[in-house]
Amino acid sequence: MVKKLRIVLADDHAMLRAGIRVLIERIPDMEVAGEAGNGKEAVELIEKTQPDIALLDLGMPELDGIEATELLAKKFPDVKVIILSMHSTSECVMEALRAGAVGYIVKDAASSELETAIYSVARGESYLSPAVSGTVIASSLDRAVQPRPVEELTERQRQVLRLLVEGLPMKEIAFNLEVSIKTVEAHRAQLMERLKIYDIPGLVRYAMRTGLTPPEPPRMN
């Protein structure tokens, strides 16, 4: 006899839980081991039933889905958590994954997606709804190309950056810093490469955003 996947379902909306239970129980090798109406009940139920998978709503009373996931990751690391949510922002998804969830499904997804997600995490894979996977990838790429913080620049690079955004020519920057023009050019090249910003307007925006250079005061008519 094939062992069924045992699933705990937690959501504070009883009608939604009932609908998801029906979907799960239609699948021959899955069963609902129990239901909970909040995060605290879910953790207690999981401790009693030791399921394979926990389907947790993101926004629950007592403990929300993130808090419950963090607890489960520490106490029952073998239980795989899938978050159910109406939110599809990359911030919500990344917070859930950092807490220990291995799956994330938006509540308006097709019913077949739930089955796919459960089988995926049961195999040791992760699963993200197509509705959120694109935004998560885009967000990860954005973070990957973010300029380094100003604290990571050397003092000389900060000096060069300040003078560049003030509009000083290379010769004058070299004179102010008492170095050769070639040295200034080398510092500028290193600065741009470190920040991944290769034009002066971009450097100006970066300097203003990080507080290295104060924004221009409003012009008076």
N, C-alpha and C. Protein backbone atom coordinates (compact mmCIF):
# COMPACT_ATOMS: atom_id res chain seq x y z
N MET A 1 0.85 -1.20 0.00
CA MET A 1 0.00 0.00 0.00
C MET A 1 0.88 1.25 0.00
N VAL A 2 0.57 2.17 -0.91
CA VAL A 2 1.36 3.39 -1.03
C VAL A 2 1.05 4.32 0.14
N LYS A 3 2.11 4.82 0.78
CA LYS A 3 1.94 5.75 1.89
C LYS A 3 1.43 7.09 1.37
N LYS A 4 0.38 7.58 2.00
CA LYS A 4 -0.19 8.86 1.59
C LYS A 4 0.61 10.02 2.17
N LEU A 5 0.64 11.10 1.42
CA LEU A 5 1.23 12.34 1.93
C LEU A 5 0.24 12.95 2.91
N ARG A 6 0.71 13.21 4.13
CA ARG A 6 -0.16 13.76 5.17
C ARG A 6 0.07 15.26 5.25
N ILE A 7 -1.04 16.00 5.21
CA ILE A 7 -0.97 17.45 5.09
C ILE A 7 -1.78 18.12 6.18
N VAL A 8 -1.19 19.11 6.83
CA VAL A 8 -1.92 19.97 7.77
C VAL A 8 -2.23 21.27 7.05
N LEU A 9 -3.46 21.70 7.19
CA LEU A 9 -3.94 22.90 6.52
C LEU A 9 -4.29 23.96 7.56
N ALA A 10 -3.74 25.16 7.43
CA ALA A 10 -4.00 26.23 8.40
C ALA A 10 -4.40 27.51 7.69
N ASP A 11 -5.60 27.98 7.99
CA ASP A 11 -6.10 29.24 7.43
C ASP A 11 -7.22 29.71 8.34
N ASP A 12 -7.33 31.01 8.56
CA ASP A 12 -8.36 31.51 9.47
C ASP A 12 -9.72 31.65 8.80
N HIS A 13 -9.81 31.31 7.52
CA HIS A 13 -11.11 31.32 6.83
C HIS A 13 -11.60 29.89 6.64
N ALA A 14 -12.65 29.53 7.38
CA ALA A 14 -13.14 28.14 7.39
C ALA A 14 -13.59 27.68 6.01
N MET A 15 -14.25 28.57 5.26
CA MET A 15 -14.74 28.17 3.93
C MET A 15 -13.59 27.88 2.98
N LEU A 16 -12.53 28.67 3.08
CA LEU A 16 -11.36 28.42 2.23
C LEU A 16 -10.71 27.10 2.60
N ARG A 17 -10.58 26.83 3.90
CA ARG A 17 -10.01 25.55 4.34
C ARG A 17 -10.82 24.39 3.79
N ALA A 18 -12.15 24.52 3.84
CA ALA A 18 -13.03 23.45 3.37
C ALA A 18 -12.80 23.19 1.88
N GLY A 19 -12.65 24.26 1.12
CA GLY A 19 -12.43 24.11 -0.32
C GLY A 19 -11.10 23.44 -0.62
N ILE A 20 -10.07 23.82 0.11
CA ILE A 20 -8.75 23.23 -0.11
C ILE A 20 -8.74 21.77 0.33
N ARG A 21 -9.44 21.47 1.42
CA ARG A 21 -9.54 20.08 1.89
C ARG A 21 -10.16 19.20 0.80
N VAL A 22 -11.23 19.69 0.18
CA VAL A 22 -11.88 18.93 -0.89
C VAL A 22 -10.90 18.66 -2.03
N LEU A 23 -10.11 19.68 -2.40
CA LEU A 23 -9.15 19.51 -3.48
C LEU A 23 -8.11 18.45 -3.13
N ILE A 24 -7.62 18.50 -1.90
CA ILE A 24 -6.58 17.55 -1.47
C ILE A 24 -7.13 16.13 -1.41
N GLU A 25 -8.34 15.98 -0.86
CA GLU A 25 -8.88 14.65 -0.67
C GLU A 25 -9.33 13.98 -1.98
N ARG A 26 -9.37 14.76 -3.05
CA ARG A 26 -9.65 14.18 -4.36
C ARG A 26 -8.42 13.49 -4.95
N ILE A 27 -7.26 13.78 -4.38
CA ILE A 27 -6.01 13.20 -4.88
C ILE A 27 -5.75 11.91 -4.10
N PRO A 28 -5.65 10.77 -4.76
CA PRO A 28 -5.61 9.46 -4.09
C PRO A 28 -4.52 9.30 -3.05
N ASP A 29 -3.31 9.84 -3.31
CA ASP A 29 -2.21 9.59 -2.37
C ASP A 29 -1.94 10.77 -1.44
N MET A 30 -2.98 11.55 -1.15
CA MET A 30 -2.88 12.65 -0.18
C MET A 30 -4.03 12.59 0.80
N GLU A 31 -3.78 13.06 2.02
CA GLU A 31 -4.85 13.17 3.00
C GLU A 31 -4.59 14.35 3.92
N VAL A 32 -5.65 14.95 4.45
CA VAL A 32 -5.54 16.05 5.39
C VAL A 32 -5.43 15.47 6.79
N ALA A 33 -4.30 15.72 7.43
CA ALA A 33 -4.08 15.19 8.78
C ALA A 33 -4.76 16.05 9.85
N GLY A 34 -5.12 17.27 9.48
CA GLY A 34 -5.80 18.15 10.43
C GLY A 34 -5.87 19.57 9.91
N GLU A 35 -6.74 20.37 10.54
CA GLU A 35 -6.93 21.76 10.16
C GLU A 35 -6.73 22.65 11.37
N ALA A 36 -6.27 23.88 11.11
CA ALA A 36 -6.08 24.86 12.17
C ALA A 36 -6.56 26.22 11.69
N GLY A 37 -7.03 27.02 12.64
CA GLY A 37 -7.56 28.34 12.29
C GLY A 37 -6.59 29.47 12.54
N ASN A 38 -5.44 29.17 13.15
CA ASN A 38 -4.42 30.20 13.35
C ASN A 38 -3.05 29.55 13.44
N GLY A 39 -2.02 30.36 13.47
CA GLY A 39 -0.67 29.83 13.45
C GLY A 39 -0.30 29.04 14.69
N LYS A 40 -0.77 29.47 15.85
CA LYS A 40 -0.46 28.76 17.10
C LYS A 40 -1.07 27.37 17.08
N GLU A 41 -2.33 27.29 16.65
CA GLU A 41 -2.99 25.98 16.55
C GLU A 41 -2.27 25.09 15.53
N ALA A 42 -1.79 25.70 14.46
CA ALA A 42 -1.12 24.94 13.42
C ALA A 42 0.16 24.28 13.96
N VAL A 43 0.95 25.04 14.71
CA VAL A 43 2.19 24.50 15.28
C VAL A 43 1.87 23.35 16.24
N GLU A 44 0.85 23.55 17.07
CA GLU A 44 0.46 22.50 18.04
C GLU A 44 -0.04 21.26 17.31
N LEU A 45 -0.82 21.46 16.25
CA LEU A 45 -1.36 20.34 15.49
C LEU A 45 -0.24 19.58 14.77
N ILE A 46 0.71 20.31 14.24
CA ILE A 46 1.83 19.67 13.55
C ILE A 46 2.67 18.86 14.52
N GLU A 47 2.81 19.36 15.74
CA GLU A 47 3.55 18.61 16.76
C GLU A 47 2.87 17.28 17.07
N LYS A 48 1.53 17.28 17.07
CA LYS A 48 0.77 16.06 17.37
C LYS A 48 0.75 15.10 16.20
N THR A 49 0.56 15.62 15.00
CA THR A 49 0.29 14.75 13.85
C THR A 49 1.53 14.41 13.01
N GLN A 50 2.59 15.23 13.14
CA GLN A 50 3.83 14.99 12.37
C GLN A 50 3.54 14.78 10.88
N PRO A 51 2.95 15.75 10.22
CA PRO A 51 2.62 15.58 8.80
C PRO A 51 3.86 15.70 7.91
N ASP A 52 3.68 15.43 6.64
CA ASP A 52 4.76 15.62 5.67
C ASP A 52 4.85 17.08 5.23
N ILE A 53 3.67 17.68 5.09
CA ILE A 53 3.60 19.03 4.52
C ILE A 53 2.62 19.88 5.32
N ALA A 54 2.96 21.18 5.48
CA ALA A 54 2.05 22.13 6.12
C ALA A 54 1.70 23.22 5.11
N LEU A 55 0.41 23.42 4.89
CA LEU A 55 -0.06 24.52 4.06
C LEU A 55 -0.51 25.63 4.99
N LEU A 56 0.21 26.73 5.01
CA LEU A 56 -0.05 27.80 5.97
C LEU A 56 -0.44 29.09 5.26
N ASP A 57 -1.54 29.68 5.72
CA ASP A 57 -1.93 31.00 5.24
C ASP A 57 -0.91 32.03 5.73
N LEU A 58 -0.62 33.02 4.90
CA LEU A 58 0.36 34.03 5.30
C LEU A 58 -0.17 34.91 6.42
N GLY A 59 -1.42 35.33 6.32
CA GLY A 59 -1.97 36.27 7.31
C GLY A 59 -2.94 35.60 8.26
N MET A 60 -2.43 35.03 9.34
CA MET A 60 -3.27 34.38 10.35
C MET A 60 -3.11 35.08 11.70
N PRO A 61 -4.14 34.99 12.56
CA PRO A 61 -3.99 35.51 13.93
C PRO A 61 -3.10 34.61 14.78
N GLU A 62 -2.82 35.07 16.00
CA GLU A 62 -1.95 34.36 16.95
C GLU A 62 -0.52 34.36 16.44
N LEU A 63 -0.22 33.47 15.50
CA LEU A 63 1.06 33.49 14.78
C LEU A 63 0.73 33.57 13.30
N ASP A 64 1.37 34.49 12.58
CA ASP A 64 1.11 34.52 11.14
C ASP A 64 1.93 33.43 10.45
N GLY A 65 1.77 33.33 9.14
CA GLY A 65 2.44 32.25 8.41
C GLY A 65 3.95 32.31 8.52
N ILE A 66 4.52 33.50 8.54
CA ILE A 66 5.97 33.65 8.64
C ILE A 66 6.46 33.19 10.00
N GLU A 67 5.80 33.65 11.06
CA GLU A 67 6.21 33.29 12.42
C GLU A 67 6.07 31.78 12.65
N ALA A 68 4.96 31.22 12.15
CA ALA A 68 4.76 29.78 12.30
C ALA A 68 5.82 29.00 11.52
N THR A 69 6.16 29.47 10.34
CA THR A 69 7.18 28.80 9.53
C THR A 69 8.54 28.81 10.24
N GLU A 70 8.88 29.94 10.83
CA GLU A 70 10.16 30.04 11.55
C GLU A 70 10.21 29.04 12.71
N LEU A 71 9.09 28.93 13.43
CA LEU A 71 9.03 27.96 14.53
C LEU A 71 9.16 26.53 14.03
N LEU A 72 8.45 26.23 12.96
CA LEU A 72 8.48 24.87 12.41
C LEU A 72 9.87 24.52 11.89
N ALA A 73 10.54 25.49 11.28
CA ALA A 73 11.88 25.23 10.76
C ALA A 73 12.84 24.83 11.87
N LYS A 74 12.63 25.37 13.07
CA LYS A 74 13.49 25.05 14.21
C LYS A 74 13.08 23.74 14.89
N LYS A 75 11.77 23.57 15.08
CA LYS A 75 11.28 22.42 15.86
C LYS A 75 11.05 21.17 15.01
N PHE A 76 10.56 21.36 13.78
CA PHE A 76 10.21 20.22 12.92
C PHE A 76 10.75 20.45 11.51
N PRO A 77 12.06 20.41 11.34
CA PRO A 77 12.65 20.74 10.04
C PRO A 77 12.26 19.79 8.91
N ASP A 78 11.74 18.60 9.26
CA ASP A 78 11.34 17.65 8.22
C ASP A 78 9.98 17.99 7.61
N VAL A 79 9.22 18.85 8.28
CA VAL A 79 7.91 19.25 7.75
C VAL A 79 8.13 20.35 6.71
N LYS A 80 7.68 20.10 5.50
CA LYS A 80 7.87 21.07 4.42
C LYS A 80 6.69 22.05 4.40
N VAL A 81 7.02 23.34 4.39
CA VAL A 81 5.99 24.37 4.49
C VAL A 81 5.74 25.02 3.13
N ILE A 82 4.45 25.08 2.78
CA ILE A 82 4.01 25.84 1.61
C ILE A 82 3.14 26.98 2.12
N ILE A 83 3.47 28.19 1.73
CA ILE A 83 2.68 29.36 2.14
C ILE A 83 1.58 29.61 1.12
N LEU A 84 0.37 29.86 1.64
CA LEU A 84 -0.76 30.27 0.81
C LEU A 84 -1.00 31.75 1.06
N SER A 85 -1.13 32.54 0.01
CA SER A 85 -1.29 33.97 0.22
C SER A 85 -2.00 34.63 -0.94
N MET A 86 -2.67 35.75 -0.64
CA MET A 86 -3.23 36.55 -1.72
C MET A 86 -2.23 37.60 -2.20
N HIS A 87 -1.09 37.69 -1.52
CA HIS A 87 -0.06 38.66 -1.88
C HIS A 87 0.96 38.04 -2.82
N SER A 88 1.32 38.77 -3.88
CA SER A 88 2.26 38.24 -4.85
C SER A 88 3.52 39.10 -4.97
N THR A 89 3.76 39.99 -4.00
CA THR A 89 4.95 40.83 -4.08
C THR A 89 6.20 40.02 -3.76
N SER A 90 7.32 40.44 -4.34
CA SER A 90 8.57 39.73 -4.11
C SER A 90 8.98 39.80 -2.64
N GLU A 91 8.60 40.91 -1.95
CA GLU A 91 8.96 41.05 -0.54
C GLU A 91 8.31 39.95 0.31
N CYS A 92 7.03 39.71 0.06
CA CYS A 92 6.32 38.66 0.80
C CYS A 92 6.91 37.28 0.52
N VAL A 93 7.19 37.03 -0.75
CA VAL A 93 7.72 35.72 -1.13
C VAL A 93 9.10 35.49 -0.50
N MET A 94 9.97 36.49 -0.62
CA MET A 94 11.32 36.35 -0.08
C MET A 94 11.31 36.21 1.43
N GLU A 95 10.39 36.91 2.10
CA GLU A 95 10.28 36.78 3.55
C GLU A 95 9.88 35.36 3.93
N ALA A 96 8.96 34.78 3.17
CA ALA A 96 8.52 33.41 3.43
C ALA A 96 9.65 32.42 3.21
N LEU A 97 10.41 32.60 2.14
CA LEU A 97 11.51 31.69 1.85
C LEU A 97 12.62 31.81 2.90
N ARG A 98 12.89 33.03 3.33
CA ARG A 98 13.90 33.22 4.38
C ARG A 98 13.48 32.56 5.68
N ALA A 99 12.17 32.54 5.94
CA ALA A 99 11.67 31.93 7.18
C ALA A 99 11.79 30.41 7.14
N GLY A 100 11.89 29.82 5.94
CA GLY A 100 12.03 28.37 5.84
C GLY A 100 11.01 27.69 4.95
N ALA A 101 10.10 28.46 4.36
CA ALA A 101 9.12 27.86 3.45
C ALA A 101 9.82 27.35 2.20
N VAL A 102 9.28 26.27 1.62
CA VAL A 102 9.84 25.73 0.38
C VAL A 102 8.87 25.89 -0.78
N GLY A 103 7.70 26.46 -0.49
CA GLY A 103 6.72 26.69 -1.54
C GLY A 103 5.91 27.94 -1.25
N TYR A 104 5.36 28.55 -2.31
CA TYR A 104 4.54 29.75 -2.16
C TYR A 104 3.51 29.74 -3.27
N ILE A 105 2.23 29.73 -2.87
CA ILE A 105 1.13 29.69 -3.84
C ILE A 105 0.21 30.88 -3.60
N VAL A 106 -0.15 31.58 -4.66
CA VAL A 106 -1.15 32.65 -4.53
C VAL A 106 -2.54 32.02 -4.55
N LYS A 107 -3.45 32.61 -3.78
CA LYS A 107 -4.75 31.98 -3.57
C LYS A 107 -5.66 31.98 -4.80
N ASP A 108 -5.34 32.84 -5.76
CA ASP A 108 -6.18 32.83 -6.97
C ASP A 108 -5.60 31.94 -8.07
N ALA A 109 -4.65 31.08 -7.69
CA ALA A 109 -4.05 30.15 -8.65
C ALA A 109 -5.05 29.07 -9.04
N ALA A 110 -4.80 28.41 -10.15
CA ALA A 110 -5.64 27.29 -10.58
C ALA A 110 -5.54 26.15 -9.57
N SER A 111 -6.61 25.41 -9.40
CA SER A 111 -6.63 24.33 -8.40
C SER A 111 -5.57 23.27 -8.69
N SER A 112 -5.24 23.06 -9.96
CA SER A 112 -4.22 22.06 -10.31
C SER A 112 -2.84 22.46 -9.78
N GLU A 113 -2.65 23.74 -9.53
CA GLU A 113 -1.35 24.22 -9.05
C GLU A 113 -1.04 23.70 -7.65
N LEU A 114 -2.08 23.55 -6.84
CA LEU A 114 -1.88 23.05 -5.48
C LEU A 114 -1.29 21.64 -5.52
N GLU A 115 -1.84 20.80 -6.37
CA GLU A 115 -1.33 19.44 -6.50
C GLU A 115 0.12 19.44 -6.97
N THR A 116 0.41 20.27 -7.97
CA THR A 116 1.78 20.37 -8.49
C THR A 116 2.75 20.81 -7.40
N ALA A 117 2.33 21.80 -6.61
CA ALA A 117 3.19 22.32 -5.55
C ALA A 117 3.47 21.27 -4.49
N ILE A 118 2.44 20.54 -4.08
CA ILE A 118 2.61 19.52 -3.04
C ILE A 118 3.55 18.41 -3.52
N TYR A 119 3.34 17.94 -4.73
CA TYR A 119 4.23 16.89 -5.26
C TYR A 119 5.66 17.41 -5.38
N SER A 120 5.81 18.66 -5.78
CA SER A 120 7.16 19.23 -5.96
C SER A 120 7.92 19.26 -4.65
N VAL A 121 7.29 19.79 -3.60
CA VAL A 121 8.01 19.89 -2.32
C VAL A 121 8.20 18.52 -1.69
N ALA A 122 7.27 17.59 -1.95
CA ALA A 122 7.43 16.22 -1.43
C ALA A 122 8.66 15.55 -2.03
N ARG A 123 9.01 15.94 -3.27
CA ARG A 123 10.20 15.39 -3.93
C ARG A 123 11.49 16.09 -3.48
N GLY A 124 11.34 17.08 -2.59
CA GLY A 124 12.51 17.81 -2.14
C GLY A 124 12.82 19.04 -2.96
N GLU A 125 11.89 19.41 -3.84
CA GLU A 125 12.08 20.61 -4.66
C GLU A 125 11.37 21.79 -4.01
N SER A 126 11.59 22.97 -4.56
CA SER A 126 10.83 24.14 -4.11
C SER A 126 9.79 24.46 -5.18
N TYR A 127 8.79 25.24 -4.80
CA TYR A 127 7.75 25.59 -5.77
C TYR A 127 7.27 27.02 -5.52
N LEU A 128 7.25 27.81 -6.59
CA LEU A 128 6.68 29.16 -6.55
C LEU A 128 5.63 29.27 -7.63
N SER A 129 4.50 29.85 -7.30
CA SER A 129 3.48 30.10 -8.31
C SER A 129 4.08 30.89 -9.47
N PRO A 130 3.70 30.56 -10.69
CA PRO A 130 4.19 31.36 -11.83
C PRO A 130 3.89 32.84 -11.67
N ALA A 131 2.80 33.16 -10.94
CA ALA A 131 2.43 34.56 -10.73
C ALA A 131 3.46 35.32 -9.92
N VAL A 132 4.29 34.60 -9.13
CA VAL A 132 5.27 35.30 -8.29
C VAL A 132 6.71 35.01 -8.70
N SER A 133 6.94 33.90 -9.40
CA SER A 133 8.33 33.52 -9.69
C SER A 133 9.04 34.57 -10.53
N GLY A 134 8.32 35.20 -11.48
CA GLY A 134 8.95 36.22 -12.30
C GLY A 134 9.37 37.44 -11.50
N THR A 135 8.51 37.89 -10.58
CA THR A 135 8.84 39.06 -9.78
C THR A 135 9.99 38.77 -8.83
N VAL A 136 10.06 37.54 -8.32
CA VAL A 136 11.16 37.18 -7.41
C VAL A 136 12.48 37.18 -8.17
N ILE A 137 12.49 36.62 -9.38
CA ILE A 137 13.71 36.60 -10.18
C ILE A 137 14.15 38.02 -10.52
N ALA A 138 13.18 38.86 -10.91
CA ALA A 138 13.51 40.24 -11.25
C ALA A 138 14.07 40.98 -10.04
N SER A 139 13.46 40.74 -8.89
CA SER A 139 13.93 41.40 -7.66
C SER A 139 15.34 40.94 -7.31
N SER A 140 15.61 39.64 -7.47
CA SER A 140 16.94 39.10 -7.18
C SER A 140 17.99 39.71 -8.11
N LEU A 141 17.62 39.86 -9.39
CA LEU A 141 18.56 40.46 -10.35
C LEU A 141 18.81 41.92 -10.01
N ASP A 142 17.75 42.64 -9.60
CA ASP A 142 17.92 44.04 -9.22
C ASP A 142 18.90 44.17 -8.07
N ARG A 143 18.75 43.30 -7.07
CA ARG A 143 19.65 43.36 -5.91
C ARG A 143 21.08 43.00 -6.31
N ALA A 144 21.20 42.09 -7.29
CA ALA A 144 22.54 41.66 -7.69
C ALA A 144 23.33 42.77 -8.35
N VAL A 145 22.62 43.72 -9.02
CA VAL A 145 23.33 44.79 -9.72
C VAL A 145 23.27 46.11 -8.96
N GLN A 146 22.79 46.09 -7.73
CA GLN A 146 22.77 47.31 -6.94
C GLN A 146 24.18 47.80 -6.68
N PRO A 147 24.41 49.12 -6.77
CA PRO A 147 25.74 49.64 -6.45
C PRO A 147 26.13 49.33 -5.01
N ARG A 148 27.41 49.19 -4.77
CA ARG A 148 27.87 48.93 -3.42
C ARG A 148 27.61 50.15 -2.54
N PRO A 149 27.41 49.94 -1.24
CA PRO A 149 27.20 51.08 -0.34
C PRO A 149 28.43 51.96 -0.26
N VAL A 150 28.22 53.23 0.06
CA VAL A 150 29.31 54.20 0.09
C VAL A 150 30.37 53.80 1.11
N GLU A 151 29.99 53.04 2.14
CA GLU A 151 30.96 52.62 3.15
C GLU A 151 32.05 51.72 2.57
N GLU A 152 31.77 51.09 1.45
CA GLU A 152 32.75 50.19 0.85
C GLU A 152 33.77 50.92 -0.03
N LEU A 153 33.56 52.23 -0.26
CA LEU A 153 34.51 53.00 -1.04
C LEU A 153 35.67 53.43 -0.15
N THR A 154 36.84 53.54 -0.75
CA THR A 154 37.98 54.07 0.00
C THR A 154 37.80 55.57 0.19
N GLU A 155 38.55 56.15 1.12
CA GLU A 155 38.44 57.58 1.36
C GLU A 155 38.82 58.37 0.11
N ARG A 156 39.85 57.91 -0.60
CA ARG A 156 40.27 58.60 -1.82
C ARG A 156 39.18 58.53 -2.89
N GLN A 157 38.52 57.37 -3.00
CA GLN A 157 37.43 57.24 -3.98
C GLN A 157 36.27 58.16 -3.63
N ARG A 158 35.99 58.32 -2.36
CA ARG A 158 34.93 59.26 -1.95
C ARG A 158 35.30 60.68 -2.31
N GLN A 159 36.58 61.04 -2.10
CA GLN A 159 37.03 62.39 -2.45
C GLN A 159 36.87 62.64 -3.95
N VAL A 160 37.29 61.67 -4.76
CA VAL A 160 37.17 61.79 -6.21
C VAL A 160 35.70 61.90 -6.61
N LEU A 161 34.85 61.09 -5.98
CA LEU A 161 33.42 61.12 -6.29
C LEU A 161 32.83 62.49 -5.98
N ARG A 162 33.16 63.04 -4.82
CA ARG A 162 32.64 64.37 -4.44
C ARG A 162 33.04 65.42 -5.47
N LEU A 163 34.29 65.42 -5.87
CA LEU A 163 34.78 66.43 -6.81
C LEU A 163 34.20 66.22 -8.21
N LEU A 164 34.01 64.97 -8.60
CA LEU A 164 33.40 64.69 -9.89
C LEU A 164 31.97 65.21 -9.96
N VAL A 165 31.21 64.96 -8.91
CA VAL A 165 29.80 65.39 -8.94
C VAL A 165 29.67 66.90 -8.79
N GLU A 166 30.73 67.55 -8.31
CA GLU A 166 30.73 69.01 -8.26
C GLU A 166 31.04 69.62 -9.62
N GLY A 167 31.41 68.77 -10.57
CA GLY A 167 31.65 69.22 -11.93
C GLY A 167 33.05 69.70 -12.21
N LEU A 168 33.99 69.40 -11.32
CA LEU A 168 35.36 69.84 -11.53
C LEU A 168 36.02 69.04 -12.66
N PRO A 169 36.82 69.70 -13.51
CA PRO A 169 37.56 68.96 -14.53
C PRO A 169 38.67 68.12 -13.91
N MET A 170 39.16 67.15 -14.67
CA MET A 170 40.15 66.23 -14.14
C MET A 170 41.41 66.95 -13.66
N LYS A 171 41.82 67.98 -14.41
CA LYS A 171 43.02 68.71 -14.05
C LYS A 171 42.88 69.38 -12.69
N GLU A 172 41.70 69.95 -12.44
CA GLU A 172 41.47 70.64 -11.16
C GLU A 172 41.35 69.64 -10.01
N ILE A 173 40.75 68.49 -10.28
CA ILE A 173 40.66 67.44 -9.24
C ILE A 173 42.07 66.98 -8.87
N ALA A 174 42.91 66.79 -9.88
CA ALA A 174 44.29 66.37 -9.63
C ALA A 174 45.02 67.43 -8.80
N PHE A 175 44.79 68.71 -9.11
CA PHE A 175 45.44 69.79 -8.37
C PHE A 175 44.96 69.79 -6.91
N ASN A 176 43.66 69.65 -6.70
CA ASN A 176 43.11 69.67 -5.34
C ASN A 176 43.62 68.50 -4.49
N LEU A 177 43.78 67.35 -5.13
CA LEU A 177 44.21 66.15 -4.39
C LEU A 177 45.73 65.98 -4.39
N GLU A 178 46.39 66.89 -5.14
CA GLU A 178 47.86 66.86 -5.21
C GLU A 178 48.37 65.53 -5.77
N VAL A 179 47.72 65.09 -6.82
CA VAL A 179 48.14 63.87 -7.53
C VAL A 179 48.14 64.17 -9.02
N SER A 180 48.62 63.22 -9.81
CA SER A 180 48.63 63.40 -11.27
C SER A 180 47.26 63.14 -11.86
N ILE A 181 47.06 63.64 -13.08
CA ILE A 181 45.79 63.41 -13.78
C ILE A 181 45.58 61.91 -14.01
N LYS A 182 46.65 61.19 -14.33
CA LYS A 182 46.55 59.74 -14.55
C LYS A 182 46.07 59.02 -13.29
N THR A 183 46.52 59.50 -12.13
CA THR A 183 46.08 58.90 -10.86
C THR A 183 44.59 59.14 -10.66
N VAL A 184 44.15 60.35 -10.96
CA VAL A 184 42.71 60.67 -10.83
C VAL A 184 41.91 59.79 -11.79
N GLU A 185 42.39 59.64 -13.02
CA GLU A 185 41.68 58.81 -13.99
C GLU A 185 41.59 57.36 -13.51
N ALA A 186 42.66 56.88 -12.88
CA ALA A 186 42.65 55.52 -12.35
C ALA A 186 41.64 55.38 -11.22
N HIS A 187 41.60 56.39 -10.33
CA HIS A 187 40.62 56.36 -9.23
C HIS A 187 39.19 56.41 -9.78
N ARG A 188 38.97 57.23 -10.81
CA ARG A 188 37.63 57.32 -11.40
C ARG A 188 37.21 55.99 -12.01
N ALA A 189 38.13 55.34 -12.71
CA ALA A 189 37.83 54.04 -13.32
C ALA A 189 37.50 52.99 -12.26
N GLN A 190 38.29 52.97 -11.18
CA GLN A 190 38.04 52.02 -10.08
C GLN A 190 36.71 52.30 -9.40
N LEU A 191 36.42 53.58 -9.23
CA LEU A 191 35.17 54.01 -8.59
C LEU A 191 33.97 53.56 -9.41
N MET A 192 34.01 53.81 -10.70
CA MET A 192 32.88 53.45 -11.57
C MET A 192 32.70 51.93 -11.62
N GLU A 193 33.82 51.21 -11.67
CA GLU A 193 33.73 49.76 -11.73
C GLU A 193 33.16 49.20 -10.43
N ARG A 194 33.57 49.75 -9.30
CA ARG A 194 33.08 49.27 -8.01
C ARG A 194 31.58 49.54 -7.85
N LEU A 195 31.14 50.72 -8.31
CA LEU A 195 29.73 51.08 -8.17
C LEU A 195 28.87 50.56 -9.32
N LYS A 196 29.51 50.10 -10.40
CA LYS A 196 28.79 49.68 -11.60
C LYS A 196 27.97 50.84 -12.17
N ILE A 197 28.53 52.03 -12.07
CA ILE A 197 27.91 53.24 -12.62
C ILE A 197 28.96 53.87 -13.53
N TYR A 198 28.62 54.04 -14.80
CA TYR A 198 29.66 54.42 -15.77
C TYR A 198 29.41 55.79 -16.41
N ASP A 199 28.61 56.64 -15.78
CA ASP A 199 28.40 57.98 -16.31
C ASP A 199 28.29 58.97 -15.15
N ILE A 200 28.63 60.23 -15.40
CA ILE A 200 28.64 61.24 -14.36
C ILE A 200 27.24 61.51 -13.79
N PRO A 201 26.18 61.62 -14.63
CA PRO A 201 24.83 61.82 -14.05
C PRO A 201 24.45 60.70 -13.07
N GLY A 202 24.84 59.45 -13.42
CA GLY A 202 24.56 58.34 -12.52
C GLY A 202 25.31 58.47 -11.21
N LEU A 203 26.56 58.93 -11.27
CA LEU A 203 27.34 59.15 -10.05
C LEU A 203 26.73 60.25 -9.20
N VAL A 204 26.22 61.29 -9.86
CA VAL A 204 25.57 62.39 -9.12
C VAL A 204 24.35 61.87 -8.36
N ARG A 205 23.53 61.07 -9.06
CA ARG A 205 22.33 60.53 -8.40
C ARG A 205 22.72 59.62 -7.23
N TYR A 206 23.75 58.81 -7.43
CA TYR A 206 24.21 57.92 -6.36
C TYR A 206 24.70 58.73 -5.16
N ALA A 207 25.51 59.77 -5.41
CA ALA A 207 26.05 60.59 -4.32
C ALA A 207 24.95 61.29 -3.55
N MET A 208 23.92 61.77 -4.25
CA MET A 208 22.80 62.44 -3.57
C MET A 208 21.98 61.43 -2.77
N ARG A 209 21.78 60.23 -3.35
CA ARG A 209 20.96 59.22 -2.68
C ARG A 209 21.63 58.71 -1.41
N THR A 210 22.95 58.63 -1.41
CA THR A 210 23.67 58.10 -0.26
C THR A 210 24.05 59.19 0.74
N GLY A 211 23.74 60.45 0.42
CA GLY A 211 24.06 61.53 1.34
C GLY A 211 25.50 62.01 1.24
N LEU A 212 26.25 61.50 0.26
CA LEU A 212 27.63 61.93 0.10
C LEU A 212 27.69 63.37 -0.40
N THR A 213 26.71 63.72 -1.22
CA THR A 213 26.58 65.08 -1.71
C THR A 213 25.16 65.54 -1.46
N PRO A 214 24.94 66.67 -0.78
CA PRO A 214 23.58 67.11 -0.50
C PRO A 214 22.86 67.49 -1.78
N PRO A 215 21.54 67.31 -1.84
CA PRO A 215 20.80 67.70 -3.03
C PRO A 215 20.84 69.22 -3.23
N GLU A 216 20.68 69.64 -4.47
CA GLU A 216 20.68 71.06 -4.75
C GLU A 216 19.48 71.72 -4.11
N PRO A 217 19.66 72.94 -3.54
CA PRO A 217 18.53 73.65 -2.96
C PRO A 217 17.58 74.10 -4.07
N PRO A 218 16.28 74.23 -3.78
CA PRO A 218 15.35 74.68 -4.81
C PRO A 218 15.70 76.08 -5.29
N ARG A 219 15.55 76.30 -6.59
CA ARG A 219 15.85 77.62 -7.15
C ARG A 219 14.73 78.59 -6.84
N MET A 220 15.12 79.82 -6.57
CA MET A 220 14.14 80.87 -6.29
C MET A 220 13.81 81.59 -7.59
N ASN A 221 12.50 81.84 -7.82
CA ASN A 221 12.10 82.58 -9.02
C ASN A 221 12.41 84.06 -8.87
